[in-house]
Amino acid sequence: MTFDKRTVELIALGASVAVNCQPCLQFHINEALKVGITELEIKEAIQVGRTVRKGAAHKMDQFVSTMIEDELLISRGGEGCGCR
């Protein structure tokens, strides 16, 4: 299955917002306009991205609070995620 260009750009708009990538968002707004996506559709896709980002941030905040309360940040350490 292959998505059409409109669908790809709508997904890319929401994803750009969800991952906080300003250059990506500007690029995909321009691409969306080129393929005939309306300003209203762009705003709706952006709102979806904002909702996803907000939900993910809220869940991470809850997770961090739990870890801090349980002192897991200090006592368990963990293997890491590869960010260092």
N, C-alpha and C. Protein backbone atom coordinates (compact mmCIF):
# COMPACT_ATOMS: atom_id res chain seq x y z
N MET A 1 0.85 -1.18 0.00
CA MET A 1 0.00 0.00 0.00
C MET A 1 0.89 1.24 0.00
N THR A 2 0.54 2.20 -0.81
CA THR A 2 1.28 3.46 -0.88
C THR A 2 0.34 4.61 -0.57
N PHE A 3 0.76 5.47 0.33
CA PHE A 3 -0.05 6.65 0.64
C PHE A 3 0.11 7.68 -0.47
N ASP A 4 -0.97 8.42 -0.73
CA ASP A 4 -0.86 9.51 -1.69
C ASP A 4 -0.14 10.69 -1.03
N LYS A 5 0.30 11.63 -1.85
CA LYS A 5 1.11 12.76 -1.37
C LYS A 5 0.38 13.59 -0.30
N ARG A 6 -0.92 13.77 -0.45
CA ARG A 6 -1.69 14.52 0.54
C ARG A 6 -1.61 13.85 1.91
N THR A 7 -1.83 12.55 1.92
CA THR A 7 -1.81 11.81 3.18
C THR A 7 -0.43 11.88 3.82
N VAL A 8 0.61 11.70 3.01
CA VAL A 8 1.98 11.77 3.52
C VAL A 8 2.24 13.14 4.15
N GLU A 9 1.82 14.20 3.50
CA GLU A 9 2.08 15.54 4.04
C GLU A 9 1.27 15.82 5.29
N LEU A 10 0.04 15.34 5.36
CA LEU A 10 -0.75 15.52 6.58
C LEU A 10 -0.12 14.78 7.75
N ILE A 11 0.36 13.56 7.50
CA ILE A 11 1.04 12.82 8.56
C ILE A 11 2.32 13.55 8.96
N ALA A 12 3.08 14.01 7.97
CA ALA A 12 4.34 14.70 8.25
C ALA A 12 4.11 15.99 9.05
N LEU A 13 3.03 16.68 8.78
CA LEU A 13 2.73 17.89 9.55
C LEU A 13 2.54 17.56 11.03
N GLY A 14 1.68 16.59 11.30
CA GLY A 14 1.44 16.20 12.68
C GLY A 14 2.69 15.68 13.36
N ALA A 15 3.46 14.87 12.64
CA ALA A 15 4.69 14.31 13.21
C ALA A 15 5.70 15.41 13.50
N SER A 16 5.80 16.38 12.62
CA SER A 16 6.75 17.49 12.83
C SER A 16 6.46 18.22 14.13
N VAL A 17 5.19 18.45 14.40
CA VAL A 17 4.81 19.12 15.64
C VAL A 17 5.07 18.21 16.84
N ALA A 18 4.71 16.94 16.69
CA ALA A 18 4.86 16.00 17.80
C ALA A 18 6.31 15.86 18.24
N VAL A 19 7.26 15.98 17.30
CA VAL A 19 8.67 15.82 17.65
C VAL A 19 9.40 17.16 17.78
N ASN A 20 8.65 18.26 17.76
CA ASN A 20 9.21 19.60 17.96
C ASN A 20 10.25 20.00 16.91
N CYS A 21 10.00 19.66 15.64
CA CYS A 21 10.96 20.00 14.59
C CYS A 21 10.42 21.18 13.77
N GLN A 22 10.88 22.38 14.11
CA GLN A 22 10.42 23.58 13.41
C GLN A 22 10.77 23.59 11.93
N PRO A 23 12.02 23.24 11.54
CA PRO A 23 12.32 23.22 10.10
C PRO A 23 11.46 22.20 9.34
N CYS A 24 11.21 21.06 9.97
CA CYS A 24 10.35 20.05 9.33
C CYS A 24 8.95 20.60 9.12
N LEU A 25 8.42 21.27 10.14
CA LEU A 25 7.06 21.80 10.04
C LEU A 25 6.97 22.82 8.91
N GLN A 26 7.90 23.73 8.83
CA GLN A 26 7.86 24.74 7.76
C GLN A 26 7.96 24.08 6.39
N PHE A 27 8.86 23.12 6.25
CA PHE A 27 9.01 22.40 4.98
C PHE A 27 7.69 21.72 4.60
N HIS A 28 7.09 21.02 5.55
CA HIS A 28 5.88 20.26 5.23
C HIS A 28 4.65 21.15 5.05
N ILE A 29 4.62 22.33 5.67
CA ILE A 29 3.55 23.29 5.37
C ILE A 29 3.65 23.70 3.90
N ASN A 30 4.85 24.02 3.47
CA ASN A 30 5.04 24.42 2.06
C ASN A 30 4.68 23.30 1.11
N GLU A 31 5.10 22.08 1.43
CA GLU A 31 4.78 20.93 0.58
C GLU A 31 3.27 20.66 0.57
N ALA A 32 2.64 20.80 1.72
CA ALA A 32 1.19 20.59 1.82
C ALA A 32 0.44 21.57 0.93
N LEU A 33 0.85 22.82 0.97
CA LEU A 33 0.19 23.82 0.13
C LEU A 33 0.38 23.50 -1.35
N LYS A 34 1.56 22.99 -1.72
CA LYS A 34 1.84 22.64 -3.12
C LYS A 34 0.92 21.54 -3.64
N VAL A 35 0.53 20.61 -2.75
CA VAL A 35 -0.32 19.49 -3.19
C VAL A 35 -1.80 19.76 -2.95
N GLY A 36 -2.14 20.99 -2.60
CA GLY A 36 -3.54 21.39 -2.50
C GLY A 36 -4.21 21.19 -1.16
N ILE A 37 -3.44 20.97 -0.13
CA ILE A 37 -4.01 20.86 1.21
C ILE A 37 -4.38 22.26 1.67
N THR A 38 -5.58 22.39 2.20
CA THR A 38 -6.07 23.71 2.60
C THR A 38 -5.46 24.15 3.93
N GLU A 39 -5.53 25.44 4.21
CA GLU A 39 -5.04 25.95 5.48
C GLU A 39 -5.79 25.33 6.65
N LEU A 40 -7.08 25.10 6.49
CA LEU A 40 -7.86 24.46 7.56
C LEU A 40 -7.35 23.04 7.81
N GLU A 41 -7.07 22.28 6.75
CA GLU A 41 -6.54 20.93 6.91
C GLU A 41 -5.16 20.95 7.58
N ILE A 42 -4.34 21.92 7.21
CA ILE A 42 -3.02 22.07 7.83
C ILE A 42 -3.18 22.33 9.32
N LYS A 43 -4.08 23.24 9.67
CA LYS A 43 -4.32 23.55 11.08
C LYS A 43 -4.81 22.32 11.84
N GLU A 44 -5.66 21.52 11.21
CA GLU A 44 -6.17 20.31 11.87
C GLU A 44 -5.05 19.30 12.09
N ALA A 45 -4.17 19.13 11.10
CA ALA A 45 -3.05 18.20 11.24
C ALA A 45 -2.09 18.68 12.32
N ILE A 46 -1.86 19.97 12.39
CA ILE A 46 -1.01 20.54 13.43
C ILE A 46 -1.62 20.30 14.81
N GLN A 47 -2.92 20.44 14.91
CA GLN A 47 -3.59 20.21 16.19
C GLN A 47 -3.46 18.74 16.62
N VAL A 48 -3.54 17.83 15.68
CA VAL A 48 -3.34 16.41 16.01
C VAL A 48 -1.94 16.22 16.57
N GLY A 49 -0.94 16.80 15.93
CA GLY A 49 0.43 16.71 16.42
C GLY A 49 0.58 17.29 17.82
N ARG A 50 -0.08 18.41 18.06
CA ARG A 50 -0.02 19.03 19.39
C ARG A 50 -0.65 18.12 20.44
N THR A 51 -1.73 17.47 20.09
CA THR A 51 -2.41 16.56 21.01
C THR A 51 -1.52 15.37 21.33
N VAL A 52 -0.88 14.81 20.32
CA VAL A 52 0.02 13.68 20.53
C VAL A 52 1.19 14.11 21.41
N ARG A 53 1.80 15.26 21.08
CA ARG A 53 2.94 15.74 21.86
C ARG A 53 2.54 15.98 23.31
N LYS A 54 1.38 16.60 23.51
CA LYS A 54 0.92 16.90 24.87
C LYS A 54 0.69 15.61 25.66
N GLY A 55 0.08 14.62 25.02
CA GLY A 55 -0.17 13.34 25.69
C GLY A 55 1.13 12.64 26.05
N ALA A 56 2.08 12.64 25.12
CA ALA A 56 3.36 12.00 25.38
C ALA A 56 4.11 12.71 26.50
N ALA A 57 4.10 14.04 26.49
CA ALA A 57 4.79 14.81 27.53
C ALA A 57 4.16 14.55 28.89
N HIS A 58 2.84 14.47 28.92
CA HIS A 58 2.14 14.22 30.18
C HIS A 58 2.52 12.85 30.74
N LYS A 59 2.54 11.84 29.87
CA LYS A 59 2.90 10.50 30.32
C LYS A 59 4.35 10.45 30.81
N MET A 60 5.25 11.16 30.12
CA MET A 60 6.65 11.19 30.56
C MET A 60 6.76 11.89 31.91
N ASP A 61 6.02 12.98 32.09
CA ASP A 61 6.04 13.68 33.37
C ASP A 61 5.56 12.77 34.50
N GLN A 62 4.52 12.00 34.24
CA GLN A 62 4.03 11.05 35.24
C GLN A 62 5.09 9.99 35.56
N PHE A 63 5.74 9.47 34.52
CA PHE A 63 6.77 8.46 34.69
C PHE A 63 7.93 9.00 35.51
N VAL A 64 8.39 10.20 35.17
CA VAL A 64 9.50 10.81 35.90
C VAL A 64 9.11 11.05 37.36
N SER A 65 7.92 11.53 37.60
CA SER A 65 7.46 11.76 38.97
C SER A 65 7.46 10.47 39.76
N THR A 66 6.99 9.39 39.16
CA THR A 66 6.98 8.10 39.83
C THR A 66 8.38 7.63 40.15
N MET A 67 9.29 7.80 39.17
CA MET A 67 10.67 7.38 39.40
C MET A 67 11.32 8.18 40.52
N ILE A 68 11.07 9.47 40.55
CA ILE A 68 11.65 10.32 41.58
C ILE A 68 11.08 9.94 42.95
N GLU A 69 9.77 9.75 43.01
CA GLU A 69 9.13 9.39 44.27
C GLU A 69 9.63 8.04 44.78
N ASP A 70 9.88 7.11 43.87
CA ASP A 70 10.35 5.78 44.25
C ASP A 70 11.87 5.70 44.34
N GLU A 71 12.53 6.81 44.08
CA GLU A 71 13.99 6.90 44.11
C GLU A 71 14.65 5.92 43.15
N LEU A 72 13.96 5.60 42.08
CA LEU A 72 14.50 4.65 41.11
C LEU A 72 15.59 5.27 40.25
N LEU A 73 15.58 6.57 40.12
CA LEU A 73 16.61 7.22 39.32
C LEU A 73 18.00 6.97 39.91
N ILE A 74 18.07 6.91 41.21
CA ILE A 74 19.36 6.74 41.87
C ILE A 74 19.65 5.26 42.12
N SER A 75 18.67 4.52 42.60
CA SER A 75 18.94 3.17 43.08
C SER A 75 19.09 2.13 41.97
N ARG A 76 18.45 2.29 40.84
CA ARG A 76 18.51 1.23 39.83
C ARG A 76 19.43 1.55 38.66
N GLY A 77 19.67 2.80 38.41
CA GLY A 77 20.58 3.18 37.32
C GLY A 77 20.10 2.76 35.96
N GLY A 78 20.14 1.52 35.64
CA GLY A 78 19.71 1.04 34.32
C GLY A 78 20.84 1.02 33.33
N GLU A 79 20.59 0.42 32.19
CA GLU A 79 21.60 0.30 31.15
C GLU A 79 21.67 1.51 30.25
N GLY A 80 20.69 2.35 30.28
CA GLY A 80 20.66 3.54 29.44
C GLY A 80 19.99 3.28 28.10
N CYS A 81 19.82 4.35 27.37
CA CYS A 81 19.12 4.26 26.09
C CYS A 81 20.04 4.53 24.92
N GLY A 82 21.30 4.79 25.19
CA GLY A 82 22.25 5.07 24.13
C GLY A 82 22.42 6.54 23.83
N CYS A 83 21.85 7.42 24.66
CA CYS A 83 21.95 8.85 24.40
C CYS A 83 23.28 9.44 24.88
N ARG A 84 24.06 8.65 25.58
CA ARG A 84 25.39 9.13 26.00
C ARG A 84 26.43 8.17 25.54
